[in-house]
Amino acid sequence: MPWGGAVAARRECRHRTLLHVHLLLHLHRTASMITHVNSTYLFTLSYLTWAVTRDNEGPPGHVGTRALA
């Protein structure tokens, strides 16, 4: 059957597309949750400030102890 390879390739492409859609939905849901919980949008200056402050264990606007080490 000469068309078997084409059908399999189309099926694989469709499967990959569904995986990409699923991943994008998951990322959107995660971004929405972060926005809701932290009241800041992803990849904005306020979000980056919040993330760095959290990672450095310091109060907002201050360098944390881990950053100095």
PDB file of N, CA and C in Angstrom:
ATOM      1  N   MET A   1       0.848  -1.180   0.000  1.00  0.00           N
ATOM      2  CA  MET A   1       0.000   0.000   0.000  1.00  0.00           C
ATOM      3  C   MET A   1       0.895   1.246   0.000  1.00  0.00           C
ATOM      4  N   PRO A   2       0.945   1.998  -1.084  1.00  0.00           N
ATOM      5  CA  PRO A   2       1.870   3.124  -1.192  1.00  0.00           C
ATOM      6  C   PRO A   2       1.496   4.315  -0.313  1.00  0.00           C
ATOM      7  N   TRP A   3       0.232   4.436   0.079  1.00  0.00           N
ATOM      8  CA  TRP A   3      -0.194   5.610   0.848  1.00  0.00           C
ATOM      9  C   TRP A   3      -0.052   5.410   2.352  1.00  0.00           C
ATOM     10  N   GLY A   4       0.393   4.241   2.772  1.00  0.00           N
ATOM     11  CA  GLY A   4       0.508   3.959   4.210  1.00  0.00           C
ATOM     12  C   GLY A   4       1.442   4.920   4.922  1.00  0.00           C
ATOM     13  N   GLY A   5       2.568   5.239   4.273  1.00  0.00           N
ATOM     14  CA  GLY A   5       3.522   6.164   4.887  1.00  0.00           C
ATOM     15  C   GLY A   5       2.962   7.563   5.034  1.00  0.00           C
ATOM     16  N   ALA A   6       2.207   8.005   4.040  1.00  0.00           N
ATOM     17  CA  ALA A   6       1.614   9.344   4.088  1.00  0.00           C
ATOM     18  C   ALA A   6       0.569   9.437   5.191  1.00  0.00           C
ATOM     19  N   VAL A   7      -0.212   8.387   5.345  1.00  0.00           N
ATOM     20  CA  VAL A   7      -1.240   8.374   6.393  1.00  0.00           C
ATOM     21  C   VAL A   7      -0.578   8.386   7.766  1.00  0.00           C
ATOM     22  N   ALA A   8       0.469   7.586   7.921  1.00  0.00           N
ATOM     23  CA  ALA A   8       1.172   7.541   9.208  1.00  0.00           C
ATOM     24  C   ALA A   8       1.817   8.893   9.521  1.00  0.00           C
ATOM     25  N   ALA A   9       2.394   9.531   8.502  1.00  0.00           N
ATOM     26  CA  ALA A   9       3.021  10.842   8.710  1.00  0.00           C
ATOM     27  C   ALA A   9       1.978  11.882   9.096  1.00  0.00           C
ATOM     28  N   ARG A  10       0.813  11.835   8.460  1.00  0.00           N
ATOM     29  CA  ARG A  10      -0.253  12.786   8.780  1.00  0.00           C
ATOM     30  C   ARG A  10      -0.746  12.561  10.205  1.00  0.00           C
ATOM     31  N   ARG A  11      -0.860  11.301  10.588  1.00  0.00           N
ATOM     32  CA  ARG A  11      -1.319  10.972  11.942  1.00  0.00           C
ATOM     33  C   ARG A  11      -0.296  11.477  12.972  1.00  0.00           C
ATOM     34  N   GLU A  12       0.993  11.277  12.678  1.00  0.00           N
ATOM     35  CA  GLU A  12       2.048  11.744  13.581  1.00  0.00           C
ATOM     36  C   GLU A  12       2.028  13.269  13.697  1.00  0.00           C
ATOM     37  N   CYS A  13       1.834  13.952  12.588  1.00  0.00           N
ATOM     38  CA  CYS A  13       1.771  15.415  12.584  1.00  0.00           C
ATOM     39  C   CYS A  13       0.581  15.899  13.408  1.00  0.00           C
ATOM     40  N   ARG A  14      -0.559  15.239  13.262  1.00  0.00           N
ATOM     41  CA  ARG A  14      -1.758  15.615  14.022  1.00  0.00           C
ATOM     42  C   ARG A  14      -1.511  15.410  15.514  1.00  0.00           C
ATOM     43  N   HIS A  15      -0.851  14.293  15.861  1.00  0.00           N
ATOM     44  CA  HIS A  15      -0.552  14.004  17.262  1.00  0.00           C
ATOM     45  C   HIS A  15       0.377  15.077  17.842  1.00  0.00           C
ATOM     46  N   ARG A  16       1.385  15.468  17.074  1.00  0.00           N
ATOM     47  CA  ARG A  16       2.323  16.496  17.521  1.00  0.00           C
ATOM     48  C   ARG A  16       1.605  17.832  17.703  1.00  0.00           C
ATOM     49  N   THR A  17       0.692  18.150  16.805  1.00  0.00           N
ATOM     50  CA  THR A  17      -0.076  19.396  16.917  1.00  0.00           C
ATOM     51  C   THR A  17      -0.918  19.395  18.186  1.00  0.00           C
ATOM     52  N   LEU A  18      -1.552  18.263  18.491  1.00  0.00           N
ATOM     53  CA  LEU A  18      -2.353  18.169  19.709  1.00  0.00           C
ATOM     54  C   LEU A  18      -1.482  18.328  20.950  1.00  0.00           C
ATOM     55  N   LEU A  19      -0.280  17.773  20.914  1.00  0.00           N
ATOM     56  CA  LEU A  19       0.626  17.935  22.049  1.00  0.00           C
ATOM     57  C   LEU A  19       1.016  19.403  22.232  1.00  0.00           C
ATOM     58  N   HIS A  20       1.268  20.097  21.121  1.00  0.00           N
ATOM     59  CA  HIS A  20       1.615  21.513  21.209  1.00  0.00           C
ATOM     60  C   HIS A  20       0.453  22.335  21.760  1.00  0.00           C
ATOM     61  N   VAL A  21      -0.746  22.047  21.314  1.00  0.00           N
ATOM     62  CA  VAL A  21      -1.930  22.758  21.815  1.00  0.00           C
ATOM     63  C   VAL A  21      -2.092  22.500  23.304  1.00  0.00           C
ATOM     64  N   HIS A  22      -1.909  21.248  23.722  1.00  0.00           N
ATOM     65  CA  HIS A  22      -2.030  20.900  25.137  1.00  0.00           C
ATOM     66  C   HIS A  22      -0.979  21.641  25.965  1.00  0.00           C
ATOM     67  N   LEU A  23       0.247  21.702  25.453  1.00  0.00           N
ATOM     68  CA  LEU A  23       1.311  22.405  26.160  1.00  0.00           C
ATOM     69  C   LEU A  23       1.001  23.898  26.279  1.00  0.00           C
ATOM     70  N   LEU A  24       0.524  24.509  25.195  1.00  0.00           N
ATOM     71  CA  LEU A  24       0.189  25.931  25.236  1.00  0.00           C
ATOM     72  C   LEU A  24      -0.934  26.215  26.227  1.00  0.00           C
ATOM     73  N   LEU A  25      -1.931  25.346  26.276  1.00  0.00           N
ATOM     74  CA  LEU A  25      -3.018  25.530  27.243  1.00  0.00           C
ATOM     75  C   LEU A  25      -2.494  25.423  28.672  1.00  0.00           C
ATOM     76  N   HIS A  26      -1.597  24.466  28.894  1.00  0.00           N
ATOM     77  CA  HIS A  26      -1.020  24.300  30.227  1.00  0.00           C
ATOM     78  C   HIS A  26      -0.208  25.538  30.623  1.00  0.00           C
ATOM     79  N   LEU A  27       0.599  26.052  29.699  1.00  0.00           N
ATOM     80  CA  LEU A  27       1.392  27.243  29.988  1.00  0.00           C
ATOM     81  C   LEU A  27       0.507  28.459  30.251  1.00  0.00           C
ATOM     82  N   HIS A  28      -0.575  28.580  29.485  1.00  0.00           N
ATOM     83  CA  HIS A  28      -1.505  29.698  29.693  1.00  0.00           C
ATOM     84  C   HIS A  28      -2.166  29.596  31.059  1.00  0.00           C
ATOM     85  N   ARG A  29      -2.562  28.391  31.437  1.00  0.00           N
ATOM     86  CA  ARG A  29      -3.192  28.183  32.740  1.00  0.00           C
ATOM     87  C   ARG A  29      -2.212  28.528  33.861  1.00  0.00           C
ATOM     88  N   THR A  30      -0.957  28.105  33.703  1.00  0.00           N
ATOM     89  CA  THR A  30       0.057  28.399  34.713  1.00  0.00           C
ATOM     90  C   THR A  30       0.300  29.901  34.817  1.00  0.00           C
ATOM     91  N   ALA A  31       0.409  30.575  33.677  1.00  0.00           N
ATOM     92  CA  ALA A  31       0.617  32.024  33.683  1.00  0.00           C
ATOM     93  C   ALA A  31      -0.562  32.740  34.328  1.00  0.00           C
ATOM     94  N   SER A  32      -1.772  32.283  34.047  1.00  0.00           N
ATOM     95  CA  SER A  32      -2.961  32.897  34.643  1.00  0.00           C
ATOM     96  C   SER A  32      -2.964  32.718  36.152  1.00  0.00           C
ATOM     97  N   MET A  33      -2.541  31.533  36.617  1.00  0.00           N
ATOM     98  CA  MET A  33      -2.497  31.269  38.048  1.00  0.00           C
ATOM     99  C   MET A  33      -1.463  32.170  38.724  1.00  0.00           C
ATOM    100  N   ILE A  34      -0.282  32.315  38.115  1.00  0.00           N
ATOM    101  CA  ILE A  34       0.757  33.170  38.679  1.00  0.00           C
ATOM    102  C   ILE A  34       0.276  34.616  38.730  1.00  0.00           C
ATOM    103  N   THR A  35      -0.385  35.057  37.667  1.00  0.00           N
ATOM    104  CA  THR A  35      -0.918  36.421  37.629  1.00  0.00           C
ATOM    105  C   THR A  35      -1.942  36.625  38.733  1.00  0.00           C
ATOM    106  N   HIS A  36      -2.809  35.649  38.946  1.00  0.00           N
ATOM    107  CA  HIS A  36      -3.856  35.761  39.963  1.00  0.00           C
ATOM    108  C   HIS A  36      -3.259  35.756  41.369  1.00  0.00           C
ATOM    109  N   VAL A  37      -2.342  34.833  41.632  1.00  0.00           N
ATOM    110  CA  VAL A  37      -1.795  34.676  42.979  1.00  0.00           C
ATOM    111  C   VAL A  37      -0.896  35.847  43.358  1.00  0.00           C
ATOM    112  N   ASN A  38      -0.063  36.301  42.432  1.00  0.00           N
ATOM    113  CA  ASN A  38       0.928  37.322  42.759  1.00  0.00           C
ATOM    114  C   ASN A  38       0.522  38.728  42.331  1.00  0.00           C
ATOM    115  N   SER A  39      -0.616  38.864  41.685  1.00  0.00           N
ATOM    116  CA  SER A  39      -1.109  40.155  41.195  1.00  0.00           C
ATOM    117  C   SER A  39      -0.084  40.860  40.307  1.00  0.00           C
ATOM    118  N   THR A  40       0.618  40.094  39.500  1.00  0.00           N
ATOM    119  CA  THR A  40       1.582  40.661  38.566  1.00  0.00           C
ATOM    120  C   THR A  40       1.614  39.798  37.320  1.00  0.00           C
ATOM    121  N   TYR A  41       1.866  40.402  36.187  1.00  0.00           N
ATOM    122  CA  TYR A  41       1.889  39.674  34.926  1.00  0.00           C
ATOM    123  C   TYR A  41       3.279  39.116  34.655  1.00  0.00           C
ATOM    124  N   LEU A  42       3.308  37.957  34.022  1.00  0.00           N
ATOM    125  CA  LEU A  42       4.580  37.318  33.703  1.00  0.00           C
ATOM    126  C   LEU A  42       5.433  38.188  32.787  1.00  0.00           C
ATOM    127  N   PHE A  43       6.729  38.152  33.004  1.00  0.00           N
ATOM    128  CA  PHE A  43       7.729  38.777  32.138  1.00  0.00           C
ATOM    129  C   PHE A  43       7.570  40.294  32.023  1.00  0.00           C
ATOM    130  N   THR A  44       7.028  40.909  33.054  1.00  0.00           N
ATOM    131  CA  THR A  44       7.025  42.367  33.133  1.00  0.00           C
ATOM    132  C   THR A  44       8.026  42.753  34.214  1.00  0.00           C
ATOM    133  N   LEU A  45       8.329  44.030  34.306  1.00  0.00           N
ATOM    134  CA  LEU A  45       9.302  44.469  35.300  1.00  0.00           C
ATOM    135  C   LEU A  45       8.840  44.135  36.712  1.00  0.00           C
ATOM    136  N   SER A  46       7.543  44.300  36.988  1.00  0.00           N
ATOM    137  CA  SER A  46       7.055  44.003  38.336  1.00  0.00           C
ATOM    138  C   SER A  46       7.173  42.519  38.649  1.00  0.00           C
ATOM    139  N   TYR A  47       6.937  41.660  37.652  1.00  0.00           N
ATOM    140  CA  TYR A  47       7.073  40.218  37.878  1.00  0.00           C
ATOM    141  C   TYR A  47       8.533  39.855  38.115  1.00  0.00           C
ATOM    142  N   LEU A  48       9.434  40.405  37.297  1.00  0.00           N
ATOM    143  CA  LEU A  48      10.853  40.091  37.458  1.00  0.00           C
ATOM    144  C   LEU A  48      11.367  40.585  38.806  1.00  0.00           C
ATOM    145  N   THR A  49      10.906  41.762  39.234  1.00  0.00           N
ATOM    146  CA  THR A  49      11.285  42.274  40.550  1.00  0.00           C
ATOM    147  C   THR A  49      10.782  41.348  41.639  1.00  0.00           C
ATOM    148  N   TRP A  50       9.537  40.892  41.509  1.00  0.00           N
ATOM    149  CA  TRP A  50       8.976  39.970  42.489  1.00  0.00           C
ATOM    150  C   TRP A  50       9.766  38.672  42.526  1.00  0.00           C
ATOM    151  N   ALA A  51      10.117  38.132  41.352  1.00  0.00           N
ATOM    152  CA  ALA A  51      10.824  36.855  41.287  1.00  0.00           C
ATOM    153  C   ALA A  51      12.223  36.968  41.884  1.00  0.00           C
ATOM    154  N   VAL A  52      12.937  38.037  41.559  1.00  0.00           N
ATOM    155  CA  VAL A  52      14.295  38.213  42.091  1.00  0.00           C
ATOM    156  C   VAL A  52      14.242  38.423  43.594  1.00  0.00           C
ATOM    157  N   THR A  53      13.297  39.224  44.059  1.00  0.00           N
ATOM    158  CA  THR A  53      13.156  39.461  45.493  1.00  0.00           C
ATOM    159  C   THR A  53      12.852  38.162  46.218  1.00  0.00           C
ATOM    160  N   ARG A  54      11.962  37.353  45.648  1.00  0.00           N
ATOM    161  CA  ARG A  54      11.610  36.081  46.267  1.00  0.00           C
ATOM    162  C   ARG A  54      12.810  35.150  46.303  1.00  0.00           C
ATOM    163  N   ASP A  55      13.545  35.064  45.187  1.00  0.00           N
ATOM    164  CA  ASP A  55      14.696  34.171  45.118  1.00  0.00           C
ATOM    165  C   ASP A  55      15.814  34.609  46.057  1.00  0.00           C
ATOM    166  N   ASN A  56      15.938  35.898  46.268  1.00  0.00           N
ATOM    167  CA  ASN A  56      16.998  36.415  47.136  1.00  0.00           C
ATOM    168  C   ASN A  56      16.583  36.477  48.598  1.00  0.00           C
ATOM    169  N   GLU A  57      15.345  36.141  48.884  1.00  0.00           N
ATOM    170  CA  GLU A  57      14.812  36.093  50.247  1.00  0.00           C
ATOM    171  C   GLU A  57      14.886  37.445  50.953  1.00  0.00           C
ATOM    172  N   GLY A  58      14.741  38.508  50.212  1.00  0.00           N
ATOM    173  CA  GLY A  58      14.779  39.826  50.835  1.00  0.00           C
ATOM    174  C   GLY A  58      13.451  40.537  50.684  1.00  0.00           C
ATOM    175  N   PRO A  59      13.254  41.621  51.439  1.00  0.00           N
ATOM    176  CA  PRO A  59      12.024  42.396  51.291  1.00  0.00           C
ATOM    177  C   PRO A  59      12.017  43.126  49.956  1.00  0.00           C
ATOM    178  N   PRO A  60      10.866  43.541  49.470  1.00  0.00           N
ATOM    179  CA  PRO A  60      10.793  44.235  48.179  1.00  0.00           C
ATOM    180  C   PRO A  60      11.718  45.446  48.139  1.00  0.00           C
ATOM    181  N   GLY A  61      12.474  45.554  47.054  1.00  0.00           N
ATOM    182  CA  GLY A  61      13.365  46.685  46.873  1.00  0.00           C
ATOM    183  C   GLY A  61      14.728  46.539  47.528  1.00  0.00           C
ATOM    184  N   HIS A  62      14.975  45.414  48.194  1.00  0.00           N
ATOM    185  CA  HIS A  62      16.253  45.196  48.862  1.00  0.00           C
ATOM    186  C   HIS A  62      16.914  43.935  48.325  1.00  0.00           C
ATOM    187  N   VAL A  63      18.229  43.913  48.390  1.00  0.00           N
ATOM    188  CA  VAL A  63      18.965  42.723  47.969  1.00  0.00           C
ATOM    189  C   VAL A  63      18.905  41.713  49.098  1.00  0.00           C
ATOM    190  N   GLY A  64      18.576  40.487  48.772  1.00  0.00           N
ATOM    191  CA  GLY A  64      18.459  39.445  49.787  1.00  0.00           C
ATOM    192  C   GLY A  64      19.804  38.877  50.202  1.00  0.00           C
ATOM    193  N   THR A  65      19.771  38.047  51.221  1.00  0.00           N
ATOM    194  CA  THR A  65      21.009  37.489  51.761  1.00  0.00           C
ATOM    195  C   THR A  65      21.668  36.519  50.793  1.00  0.00           C
ATOM    196  N   ARG A  66      20.874  35.777  50.043  1.00  0.00           N
ATOM    197  CA  ARG A  66      21.445  34.804  49.125  1.00  0.00           C
ATOM    198  C   ARG A  66      22.176  35.502  47.979  1.00  0.00           C
ATOM    199  N   ALA A  67      21.722  36.689  47.579  1.00  0.00           N
ATOM    200  CA  ALA A  67      22.374  37.416  46.493  1.00  0.00           C
ATOM    201  C   ALA A  67      23.752  37.911  46.916  1.00  0.00           C
ATOM    202  N   LEU A  68      23.931  38.195  48.194  1.00  0.00           N
ATOM    203  CA  LEU A  68      25.214  38.694  48.677  1.00  0.00           C
ATOM    204  C   LEU A  68      26.237  37.586  48.851  1.00  0.00           C
ATOM    205  N   ALA A  69      25.796  36.368  49.014  1.00  0.00           N
ATOM    206  CA  ALA A  69      26.710  35.233  49.257  1.00  0.00           C
ATOM    207  C   ALA A  69      27.501  34.868  48.025  1.00  0.00           C
TER     208      ALA A  69
END
